[in-house]
Amino acid sequence: MENWTSDLGLNKVQLARVIGTVVATIKNESLEGRKLLVVQTLNKDLEPTGKPMVAVDSVGAGVGELVFWCRGKEASFPFKREDTPTDCTIIGIIDSKAHVSKG
């Protein structure tokens, strides 16, 4: 089954659930003070698909929340692009499952 995605023009934004946090004792200095979370990509029926990934949190998400995330060069857009080494960033929190189209 395919991942739930929404095309916002530049890249695909994907749906996921935050399933954990990451503690890093050593990381790139531009990531200091930034929260790293483990996200599980979901399909259109909100079922897990693929392997969990680590994402930089740009919106204050927490464990258990539904979120939108993006990959690629767009993942660095919420930050100073030249300074933040990320390929996976949480860019939005979904406040209700009712907002997710299942059709």
PDB file of N, CA and C in Angstrom:
ATOM      1  N   MET A   1       0.827  -1.167   0.000  1.00  0.00           N
ATOM      2  CA  MET A   1       0.000   0.000   0.000  1.00  0.00           C
ATOM      3  C   MET A   1       0.880   1.242   0.000  1.00  0.00           C
ATOM      4  N   GLU A   2       0.494   2.269  -0.723  1.00  0.00           N
ATOM      5  CA  GLU A   2       1.303   3.472  -0.829  1.00  0.00           C
ATOM      6  C   GLU A   2       1.204   4.348   0.412  1.00  0.00           C
ATOM      7  N   ASN A   3       2.243   5.152   0.606  1.00  0.00           N
ATOM      8  CA  ASN A   3       2.231   6.140   1.688  1.00  0.00           C
ATOM      9  C   ASN A   3       1.214   7.220   1.371  1.00  0.00           C
ATOM     10  N   TRP A   4       0.672   7.831   2.396  1.00  0.00           N
ATOM     11  CA  TRP A   4      -0.199   8.979   2.218  1.00  0.00           C
ATOM     12  C   TRP A   4       0.697  10.161   1.932  1.00  0.00           C
ATOM     13  N   THR A   5       0.471  10.847   0.823  1.00  0.00           N
ATOM     14  CA  THR A   5       1.288  12.008   0.492  1.00  0.00           C
ATOM     15  C   THR A   5       0.411  13.137   0.002  1.00  0.00           C
ATOM     16  N   SER A   6       0.918  14.326   0.127  1.00  0.00           N
ATOM     17  CA  SER A   6       0.255  15.508  -0.385  1.00  0.00           C
ATOM     18  C   SER A   6       1.272  16.302  -1.169  1.00  0.00           C
ATOM     19  N   ASP A   7       0.984  16.580  -2.431  1.00  0.00           N
ATOM     20  CA  ASP A   7       1.922  17.314  -3.264  1.00  0.00           C
ATOM     21  C   ASP A   7       1.704  18.807  -3.068  1.00  0.00           C
ATOM     22  N   LEU A   8       2.688  19.481  -2.475  1.00  0.00           N
ATOM     23  CA  LEU A   8       2.591  20.920  -2.252  1.00  0.00           C
ATOM     24  C   LEU A   8       3.389  21.704  -3.287  1.00  0.00           C
ATOM     25  N   GLY A   9       3.688  21.100  -4.414  1.00  0.00           N
ATOM     26  CA  GLY A   9       4.368  21.811  -5.475  1.00  0.00           C
ATOM     27  C   GLY A   9       5.830  21.434  -5.625  1.00  0.00           C
ATOM     28  N   LEU A  10       6.593  21.472  -4.552  1.00  0.00           N
ATOM     29  CA  LEU A  10       8.015  21.202  -4.663  1.00  0.00           C
ATOM     30  C   LEU A  10       8.352  19.753  -4.408  1.00  0.00           C
ATOM     31  N   ASN A  11       7.716  19.161  -3.436  1.00  0.00           N
ATOM     32  CA  ASN A  11       8.086  17.817  -3.022  1.00  0.00           C
ATOM     33  C   ASN A  11       6.878  17.175  -2.356  1.00  0.00           C
ATOM     34  N   LYS A  12       6.979  15.934  -2.042  1.00  0.00           N
ATOM     35  CA  LYS A  12       5.908  15.233  -1.354  1.00  0.00           C
ATOM     36  C   LYS A  12       6.030  15.422   0.150  1.00  0.00           C
ATOM     37  N   VAL A  13       4.907  15.739   0.771  1.00  0.00           N
ATOM     38  CA  VAL A  13       4.825  15.815   2.214  1.00  0.00           C
ATOM     39  C   VAL A  13       4.152  14.530   2.661  1.00  0.00           C
ATOM     40  N   GLN A  14       4.707  13.868   3.643  1.00  0.00           N
ATOM     41  CA  GLN A  14       4.189  12.570   4.051  1.00  0.00           C
ATOM     42  C   GLN A  14       3.644  12.612   5.468  1.00  0.00           C
ATOM     43  N   LEU A  15       2.735  11.695   5.727  1.00  0.00           N
ATOM     44  CA  LEU A  15       2.090  11.563   7.023  1.00  0.00           C
ATOM     45  C   LEU A  15       2.860  10.550   7.860  1.00  0.00           C
ATOM     46  N   ALA A  16       2.995  10.835   9.158  1.00  0.00           N
ATOM     47  CA  ALA A  16       3.692   9.914  10.058  1.00  0.00           C
ATOM     48  C   ALA A  16       3.165  10.102  11.471  1.00  0.00           C
ATOM     49  N   ARG A  17       3.539   9.161  12.330  1.00  0.00           N
ATOM     50  CA  ARG A  17       3.269   9.282  13.758  1.00  0.00           C
ATOM     51  C   ARG A  17       4.615   9.309  14.465  1.00  0.00           C
ATOM     52  N   VAL A  18       4.746  10.202  15.440  1.00  0.00           N
ATOM     53  CA  VAL A  18       5.969  10.246  16.243  1.00  0.00           C
ATOM     54  C   VAL A  18       5.920   9.074  17.216  1.00  0.00           C
ATOM     55  N   ILE A  19       6.947   8.220  17.165  1.00  0.00           N
ATOM     56  CA  ILE A  19       6.934   7.015  18.003  1.00  0.00           C
ATOM     57  C   ILE A  19       8.059   7.002  19.037  1.00  0.00           C
ATOM     58  N   GLY A  20       8.908   8.015  19.028  1.00  0.00           N
ATOM     59  CA  GLY A  20       9.984   8.030  20.018  1.00  0.00           C
ATOM     60  C   GLY A  20      10.856   9.254  19.913  1.00  0.00           C
ATOM     61  N   THR A  21      11.784   9.343  20.835  1.00  0.00           N
ATOM     62  CA  THR A  21      12.737  10.447  20.855  1.00  0.00           C
ATOM     63  C   THR A  21      14.142   9.895  20.680  1.00  0.00           C
ATOM     64  N   VAL A  22      15.055  10.777  20.311  1.00  0.00           N
ATOM     65  CA  VAL A  22      16.454  10.393  20.122  1.00  0.00           C
ATOM     66  C   VAL A  22      17.307  11.225  21.064  1.00  0.00           C
ATOM     67  N   VAL A  23      18.229  10.569  21.740  1.00  0.00           N
ATOM     68  CA  VAL A  23      19.204  11.261  22.580  1.00  0.00           C
ATOM     69  C   VAL A  23      20.559  11.074  21.911  1.00  0.00           C
ATOM     70  N   ALA A  24      21.201  12.188  21.578  1.00  0.00           N
ATOM     71  CA  ALA A  24      22.510  12.133  20.933  1.00  0.00           C
ATOM     72  C   ALA A  24      23.510  12.888  21.798  1.00  0.00           C
ATOM     73  N   THR A  25      24.526  12.196  22.273  1.00  0.00           N
ATOM     74  CA  THR A  25      25.524  12.853  23.116  1.00  0.00           C
ATOM     75  C   THR A  25      26.497  13.680  22.287  1.00  0.00           C
ATOM     76  N   ILE A  26      26.668  13.293  21.020  1.00  0.00           N
ATOM     77  CA  ILE A  26      27.522  14.042  20.107  1.00  0.00           C
ATOM     78  C   ILE A  26      26.758  14.206  18.800  1.00  0.00           C
ATOM     79  N   LYS A  27      26.643  15.462  18.343  1.00  0.00           N
ATOM     80  CA  LYS A  27      25.984  15.718  17.064  1.00  0.00           C
ATOM     81  C   LYS A  27      26.543  16.988  16.450  1.00  0.00           C
ATOM     82  N   ASN A  28      26.246  17.211  15.196  1.00  0.00           N
ATOM     83  CA  ASN A  28      26.665  18.419  14.504  1.00  0.00           C
ATOM     84  C   ASN A  28      26.240  19.628  15.319  1.00  0.00           C
ATOM     85  N   GLU A  29      27.121  20.615  15.462  1.00  0.00           N
ATOM     86  CA  GLU A  29      26.811  21.758  16.332  1.00  0.00           C
ATOM     87  C   GLU A  29      25.579  22.534  15.884  1.00  0.00           C
ATOM     88  N   SER A  30      25.223  22.501  14.606  1.00  0.00           N
ATOM     89  CA  SER A  30      24.025  23.207  14.156  1.00  0.00           C
ATOM     90  C   SER A  30      22.741  22.505  14.606  1.00  0.00           C
ATOM     91  N   LEU A  31      22.869  21.282  15.099  1.00  0.00           N
ATOM     92  CA  LEU A  31      21.706  20.553  15.623  1.00  0.00           C
ATOM     93  C   LEU A  31      21.566  20.706  17.133  1.00  0.00           C
ATOM     94  N   GLU A  32      22.503  21.401  17.767  1.00  0.00           N
ATOM     95  CA  GLU A  32      22.406  21.632  19.212  1.00  0.00           C
ATOM     96  C   GLU A  32      21.111  22.381  19.521  1.00  0.00           C
ATOM     97  N   GLY A  33      20.368  21.908  20.492  1.00  0.00           N
ATOM     98  CA  GLY A  33      19.107  22.541  20.874  1.00  0.00           C
ATOM     99  C   GLY A  33      17.930  22.139  20.014  1.00  0.00           C
ATOM    100  N   ARG A  34      18.152  21.343  18.997  1.00  0.00           N
ATOM    101  CA  ARG A  34      17.057  20.872  18.138  1.00  0.00           C
ATOM    102  C   ARG A  34      16.651  19.476  18.579  1.00  0.00           C
ATOM    103  N   LYS A  35      15.343  19.250  18.623  1.00  0.00           N
ATOM    104  CA  LYS A  35      14.811  17.960  19.051  1.00  0.00           C
ATOM    105  C   LYS A  35      14.817  16.985  17.878  1.00  0.00           C
ATOM    106  N   LEU A  36      15.295  15.773  18.133  1.00  0.00           N
ATOM    107  CA  LEU A  36      15.273  14.696  17.146  1.00  0.00           C
ATOM    108  C   LEU A  36      14.228  13.682  17.583  1.00  0.00           C
ATOM    109  N   LEU A  37      13.349  13.309  16.658  1.00  0.00           N
ATOM    110  CA  LEU A  37      12.260  12.378  16.961  1.00  0.00           C
ATOM    111  C   LEU A  37      12.261  11.218  15.982  1.00  0.00           C
ATOM    112  N   VAL A  38      11.766  10.071  16.426  1.00  0.00           N
ATOM    113  CA  VAL A  38      11.606   8.911  15.559  1.00  0.00           C
ATOM    114  C   VAL A  38      10.180   8.951  15.014  1.00  0.00           C
ATOM    115  N   VAL A  39      10.055   8.911  13.680  1.00  0.00           N
ATOM    116  CA  VAL A  39       8.742   8.942  13.050  1.00  0.00           C
ATOM    117  C   VAL A  39       8.503   7.659  12.263  1.00  0.00           C
ATOM    118  N   GLN A  40       7.252   7.209  12.278  1.00  0.00           N
ATOM    119  CA  GLN A  40       6.835   6.039  11.505  1.00  0.00           C
ATOM    120  C   GLN A  40       5.891   6.524  10.415  1.00  0.00           C
ATOM    121  N   THR A  41       6.284   6.355   9.162  1.00  0.00           N
ATOM    122  CA  THR A  41       5.439   6.748   8.040  1.00  0.00           C
ATOM    123  C   THR A  41       4.155   5.930   8.053  1.00  0.00           C
ATOM    124  N   LEU A  42       3.049   6.580   7.680  1.00  0.00           N
ATOM    125  CA  LEU A  42       1.730   5.942   7.660  1.00  0.00           C
ATOM    126  C   LEU A  42       1.139   5.991   6.256  1.00  0.00           C
ATOM    127  N   ASN A  43       0.276   5.021   5.959  1.00  0.00           N
ATOM    128  CA  ASN A  43      -0.444   5.059   4.693  1.00  0.00           C
ATOM    129  C   ASN A  43      -1.761   5.816   4.881  1.00  0.00           C
ATOM    130  N   LYS A  44      -2.602   5.820   3.847  1.00  0.00           N
ATOM    131  CA  LYS A  44      -3.842   6.603   3.915  1.00  0.00           C
ATOM    132  C   LYS A  44      -4.824   6.083   4.954  1.00  0.00           C
ATOM    133  N   ASP A  45      -4.643   4.856   5.421  1.00  0.00           N
ATOM    134  CA  ASP A  45      -5.504   4.278   6.460  1.00  0.00           C
ATOM    135  C   ASP A  45      -4.869   4.395   7.851  1.00  0.00           C
ATOM    136  N   LEU A  46      -3.812   5.197   7.940  1.00  0.00           N
ATOM    137  CA  LEU A  46      -3.067   5.433   9.180  1.00  0.00           C
ATOM    138  C   LEU A  46      -2.401   4.181   9.722  1.00  0.00           C
ATOM    139  N   GLU A  47      -2.021   3.273   8.823  1.00  0.00           N
ATOM    140  CA  GLU A  47      -1.295   2.059   9.192  1.00  0.00           C
ATOM    141  C   GLU A  47       0.190   2.263   8.891  1.00  0.00           C
ATOM    142  N   PRO A  48       1.080   1.728   9.740  1.00  0.00           N
ATOM    143  CA  PRO A  48       2.525   1.893   9.527  1.00  0.00           C
ATOM    144  C   PRO A  48       2.983   1.287   8.204  1.00  0.00           C
ATOM    145  N   THR A  49       3.926   1.964   7.573  1.00  0.00           N
ATOM    146  CA  THR A  49       4.525   1.469   6.345  1.00  0.00           C
ATOM    147  C   THR A  49       6.001   1.855   6.321  1.00  0.00           C
ATOM    148  N   GLY A  50       6.845   0.958   5.907  1.00  0.00           N
ATOM    149  CA  GLY A  50       8.278   1.240   5.874  1.00  0.00           C
ATOM    150  C   GLY A  50       8.909   1.215   7.243  1.00  0.00           C
ATOM    151  N   LYS A  51      10.170   1.590   7.270  1.00  0.00           N
ATOM    152  CA  LYS A  51      10.943   1.594   8.518  1.00  0.00           C
ATOM    153  C   LYS A  51      10.879   2.973   9.175  1.00  0.00           C
ATOM    154  N   PRO A  52      10.917   3.010  10.508  1.00  0.00           N
ATOM    155  CA  PRO A  52      10.961   4.308  11.203  1.00  0.00           C
ATOM    156  C   PRO A  52      12.221   5.082  10.824  1.00  0.00           C
ATOM    157  N   MET A  53      12.137   6.420  10.922  1.00  0.00           N
ATOM    158  CA  MET A  53      13.259   7.284  10.594  1.00  0.00           C
ATOM    159  C   MET A  53      13.421   8.348  11.674  1.00  0.00           C
ATOM    160  N   VAL A  54      14.589   8.942  11.707  1.00  0.00           N
ATOM    161  CA  VAL A  54      14.856  10.050  12.625  1.00  0.00           C
ATOM    162  C   VAL A  54      14.601  11.346  11.866  1.00  0.00           C
ATOM    163  N   ALA A  55      13.844  12.255  12.498  1.00  0.00           N
ATOM    164  CA  ALA A  55      13.525  13.539  11.882  1.00  0.00           C
ATOM    165  C   ALA A  55      13.853  14.681  12.838  1.00  0.00           C
ATOM    166  N   VAL A  56      14.277  15.803  12.280  1.00  0.00           N
ATOM    167  CA  VAL A  56      14.466  17.018  13.068  1.00  0.00           C
ATOM    168  C   VAL A  56      13.088  17.649  13.236  1.00  0.00           C
ATOM    169  N   ASP A  57      12.763  18.045  14.457  1.00  0.00           N
ATOM    170  CA  ASP A  57      11.465  18.644  14.754  1.00  0.00           C
ATOM    171  C   ASP A  57      11.544  20.163  14.612  1.00  0.00           C
ATOM    172  N   SER A  58      10.712  20.729  13.726  1.00  0.00           N
ATOM    173  CA  SER A  58      10.710  22.185  13.551  1.00  0.00           C
ATOM    174  C   SER A  58       9.449  22.832  14.119  1.00  0.00           C
ATOM    175  N   VAL A  59       8.549  22.015  14.720  1.00  0.00           N
ATOM    176  CA  VAL A  59       7.246  22.553  15.136  1.00  0.00           C
ATOM    177  C   VAL A  59       6.844  22.231  16.577  1.00  0.00           C
ATOM    178  N   GLY A  60       7.656  21.521  17.319  1.00  0.00           N
ATOM    179  CA  GLY A  60       7.314  21.198  18.701  1.00  0.00           C
ATOM    180  C   GLY A  60       6.426  19.983  18.856  1.00  0.00           C
ATOM    181  N   ALA A  61       6.609  18.990  18.002  1.00  0.00           N
ATOM    182  CA  ALA A  61       5.806  17.760  18.062  1.00  0.00           C
ATOM    183  C   ALA A  61       6.227  16.896  19.244  1.00  0.00           C
ATOM    184  N   GLY A  62       5.346  15.972  19.616  1.00  0.00           N
ATOM    185  CA  GLY A  62       5.630  15.059  20.710  1.00  0.00           C
ATOM    186  C   GLY A  62       5.259  13.635  20.362  1.00  0.00           C
ATOM    187  N   VAL A  63       5.692  12.706  21.186  1.00  0.00           N
ATOM    188  CA  VAL A  63       5.425  11.286  20.974  1.00  0.00           C
ATOM    189  C   VAL A  63       3.917  11.047  20.921  1.00  0.00           C
ATOM    190  N   GLY A  64       3.479  10.280  19.926  1.00  0.00           N
ATOM    191  CA  GLY A  64       2.074   9.932  19.748  1.00  0.00           C
ATOM    192  C   GLY A  64       1.332  10.819  18.774  1.00  0.00           C
ATOM    193  N   GLU A  65       1.903  11.969  18.432  1.00  0.00           N
ATOM    194  CA  GLU A  65       1.196  12.896  17.545  1.00  0.00           C
ATOM    195  C   GLU A  65       1.328  12.504  16.077  1.00  0.00           C
ATOM    196  N   LEU A  66       0.276  12.824  15.306  1.00  0.00           N
ATOM    197  CA  LEU A  66       0.319  12.704  13.857  1.00  0.00           C
ATOM    198  C   LEU A  66       1.002  13.956  13.328  1.00  0.00           C
ATOM    199  N   VAL A  67       1.913  13.763  12.370  1.00  0.00           N
ATOM    200  CA  VAL A  67       2.675  14.884  11.834  1.00  0.00           C
ATOM    201  C   VAL A  67       2.835  14.763  10.322  1.00  0.00           C
ATOM    202  N   PHE A  68       3.165  15.891   9.696  1.00  0.00           N
ATOM    203  CA  PHE A  68       3.631  15.901   8.317  1.00  0.00           C
ATOM    204  C   PHE A  68       5.136  16.036   8.360  1.00  0.00           C
ATOM    205  N   TRP A  69       5.824  15.355   7.442  1.00  0.00           N
ATOM    206  CA  TRP A  69       7.269  15.470   7.350  1.00  0.00           C
ATOM    207  C   TRP A  69       7.661  15.507   5.887  1.00  0.00           C
ATOM    208  N   CYS A  70       8.843  16.012   5.607  1.00  0.00           N
ATOM    209  CA  CYS A  70       9.334  16.033   4.234  1.00  0.00           C
ATOM    210  C   CYS A  70      10.789  15.602   4.200  1.00  0.00           C
ATOM    211  N   ARG A  71      11.222  15.233   3.007  1.00  0.00           N
ATOM    212  CA  ARG A  71      12.598  14.781   2.774  1.00  0.00           C
ATOM    213  C   ARG A  71      13.250  15.625   1.703  1.00  0.00           C
ATOM    214  N   GLY A  72      14.530  15.416   1.553  1.00  0.00           N
ATOM    215  CA  GLY A  72      15.269  16.088   0.494  1.00  0.00           C
ATOM    216  C   GLY A  72      15.658  17.502   0.884  1.00  0.00           C
ATOM    217  N   LYS A  73      15.983  18.307  -0.119  1.00  0.00           N
ATOM    218  CA  LYS A  73      16.454  19.661   0.169  1.00  0.00           C
ATOM    219  C   LYS A  73      15.412  20.490   0.903  1.00  0.00           C
ATOM    220  N   GLU A  74      14.119  20.201   0.691  1.00  0.00           N
ATOM    221  CA  GLU A  74      13.054  20.938   1.370  1.00  0.00           C
ATOM    222  C   GLU A  74      13.083  20.730   2.879  1.00  0.00           C
ATOM    223  N   ALA A  75      13.674  19.641   3.340  1.00  0.00           N
ATOM    224  CA  ALA A  75      13.738  19.353   4.775  1.00  0.00           C
ATOM    225  C   ALA A  75      14.555  20.396   5.530  1.00  0.00           C
ATOM    226  N   SER A  76      15.440  21.072   4.851  1.00  0.00           N
ATOM    227  CA  SER A  76      16.260  22.082   5.523  1.00  0.00           C
ATOM    228  C   SER A  76      15.637  23.475   5.473  1.00  0.00           C
ATOM    229  N   PHE A  77      14.535  23.665   4.743  1.00  0.00           N
ATOM    230  CA  PHE A  77      13.939  24.992   4.569  1.00  0.00           C
ATOM    231  C   PHE A  77      13.511  25.673   5.874  1.00  0.00           C
ATOM    232  N   PRO A  78      13.020  24.951   6.907  1.00  0.00           N
ATOM    233  CA  PRO A  78      12.654  25.663   8.140  1.00  0.00           C
ATOM    234  C   PRO A  78      13.861  26.224   8.896  1.00  0.00           C
ATOM    235  N   PHE A  79      15.052  25.845   8.501  1.00  0.00           N
ATOM    236  CA  PHE A  79      16.274  26.246   9.181  1.00  0.00           C
ATOM    237  C   PHE A  79      17.154  27.015   8.201  1.00  0.00           C
ATOM    238  N   LYS A  80      18.306  27.473   8.675  1.00  0.00           N
ATOM    239  CA  LYS A  80      19.294  28.036   7.757  1.00  0.00           C
ATOM    240  C   LYS A  80      19.837  26.873   6.943  1.00  0.00           C
ATOM    241  N   ARG A  81      19.491  26.826   5.680  1.00  0.00           N
ATOM    242  CA  ARG A  81      19.800  25.665   4.841  1.00  0.00           C
ATOM    243  C   ARG A  81      21.267  25.279   4.833  1.00  0.00           C
ATOM    244  N   GLU A  82      22.131  26.245   4.798  1.00  0.00           N
ATOM    245  CA  GLU A  82      23.551  25.918   4.714  1.00  0.00           C
ATOM    246  C   GLU A  82      24.109  25.404   6.046  1.00  0.00           C
ATOM    247  N   ASP A  83      23.359  25.579   7.131  1.00  0.00           N
ATOM    248  CA  ASP A  83      23.866  25.222   8.450  1.00  0.00           C
ATOM    249  C   ASP A  83      23.254  23.975   9.067  1.00  0.00           C
ATOM    250  N   THR A  84      22.124  23.500   8.570  1.00  0.00           N
ATOM    251  CA  THR A  84      21.431  22.398   9.228  1.00  0.00           C
ATOM    252  C   THR A  84      21.435  21.150   8.352  1.00  0.00           C
ATOM    253  N   PRO A  85      22.222  20.149   8.743  1.00  0.00           N
ATOM    254  CA  PRO A  85      22.308  18.920   7.950  1.00  0.00           C
ATOM    255  C   PRO A  85      21.136  17.985   8.252  1.00  0.00           C
ATOM    256  N   THR A  86      20.050  18.132   7.506  1.00  0.00           N
ATOM    257  CA  THR A  86      18.896  17.264   7.697  1.00  0.00           C
ATOM    258  C   THR A  86      18.324  16.841   6.361  1.00  0.00           C
ATOM    259  N   ASP A  87      17.826  15.626   6.325  1.00  0.00           N
ATOM    260  CA  ASP A  87      17.154  15.109   5.136  1.00  0.00           C
ATOM    261  C   ASP A  87      15.746  14.653   5.493  1.00  0.00           C
ATOM    262  N   CYS A  88      15.332  14.894   6.744  1.00  0.00           N
ATOM    263  CA  CYS A  88      14.003  14.486   7.202  1.00  0.00           C
ATOM    264  C   CYS A  88      13.587  15.445   8.312  1.00  0.00           C
ATOM    265  N   THR A  89      12.527  16.233   8.063  1.00  0.00           N
ATOM    266  CA  THR A  89      12.098  17.247   9.014  1.00  0.00           C
ATOM    267  C   THR A  89      10.589  17.209   9.215  1.00  0.00           C
ATOM    268  N   ILE A  90      10.163  17.280  10.474  1.00  0.00           N
ATOM    269  CA  ILE A  90       8.735  17.405  10.791  1.00  0.00           C
ATOM    270  C   ILE A  90       8.355  18.855  10.545  1.00  0.00           C
ATOM    271  N   ILE A  91       7.316  19.072   9.710  1.00  0.00           N
ATOM    272  CA  ILE A  91       6.948  20.434   9.325  1.00  0.00           C
ATOM    273  C   ILE A  91       5.534  20.824   9.738  1.00  0.00           C
ATOM    274  N   GLY A  92       4.788  19.904  10.352  1.00  0.00           N
ATOM    275  CA  GLY A  92       3.441  20.243  10.786  1.00  0.00           C
ATOM    276  C   GLY A  92       2.860  19.188  11.701  1.00  0.00           C
ATOM    277  N   ILE A  93       1.964  19.616  12.591  1.00  0.00           N
ATOM    278  CA  ILE A  93       1.252  18.711  13.500  1.00  0.00           C
ATOM    279  C   ILE A  93      -0.200  18.654  13.051  1.00  0.00           C
ATOM    280  N   ILE A  94      -0.754  17.453  12.996  1.00  0.00           N
ATOM    281  CA  ILE A  94      -2.157  17.264  12.618  1.00  0.00           C
ATOM    282  C   ILE A  94      -2.947  17.130  13.904  1.00  0.00           C
ATOM    283  N   ASP A  95      -3.882  18.025  14.147  1.00  0.00           N
ATOM    284  CA  ASP A  95      -4.570  18.037  15.440  1.00  0.00           C
ATOM    285  C   ASP A  95      -5.721  17.041  15.541  1.00  0.00           C
ATOM    286  N   SER A  96      -6.136  16.429  14.420  1.00  0.00           N
ATOM    287  CA  SER A  96      -7.227  15.464  14.475  1.00  0.00           C
ATOM    288  C   SER A  96      -7.140  14.493  13.309  1.00  0.00           C
ATOM    289  N   LYS A  97      -7.433  13.231  13.564  1.00  0.00           N
ATOM    290  CA  LYS A  97      -7.465  12.238  12.490  1.00  0.00           C
ATOM    291  C   LYS A  97      -8.512  12.602  11.440  1.00  0.00           C
ATOM    292  N   ALA A  98      -9.524  13.364  11.830  1.00  0.00           N
ATOM    293  CA  ALA A  98     -10.588  13.767  10.918  1.00  0.00           C
ATOM    294  C   ALA A  98     -10.052  14.639   9.781  1.00  0.00           C
ATOM    295  N   HIS A  99      -8.879  15.242   9.973  1.00  0.00           N
ATOM    296  CA  HIS A  99      -8.296  16.094   8.949  1.00  0.00           C
ATOM    297  C   HIS A  99      -7.526  15.299   7.888  1.00  0.00           C
ATOM    298  N   VAL A 100      -7.415  14.002   8.074  1.00  0.00           N
ATOM    299  CA  VAL A 100      -6.673  13.158   7.139  1.00  0.00           C
ATOM    300  C   VAL A 100      -7.661  12.541   6.160  1.00  0.00           C
ATOM    301  N   SER A 101      -7.455  12.830   4.885  1.00  0.00           N
ATOM    302  CA  SER A 101      -8.340  12.268   3.850  1.00  0.00           C
ATOM    303  C   SER A 101      -8.008  10.805   3.640  1.00  0.00           C
ATOM    304  N   LYS A 102      -9.021   9.967   3.694  1.00  0.00           N
ATOM    305  CA  LYS A 102      -8.815   8.533   3.485  1.00  0.00           C
ATOM    306  C   LYS A 102      -9.360   8.092   2.132  1.00  0.00           C
ATOM    307  N   GLY A 103      -9.588   8.993   1.233  1.00  0.00           N
ATOM    308  CA  GLY A 103     -10.189   8.657  -0.040  1.00  0.00           C
ATOM    309  C   GLY A 103      -9.293   8.865  -1.175  1.00  0.00           C
TER     310      GLY A 103
END
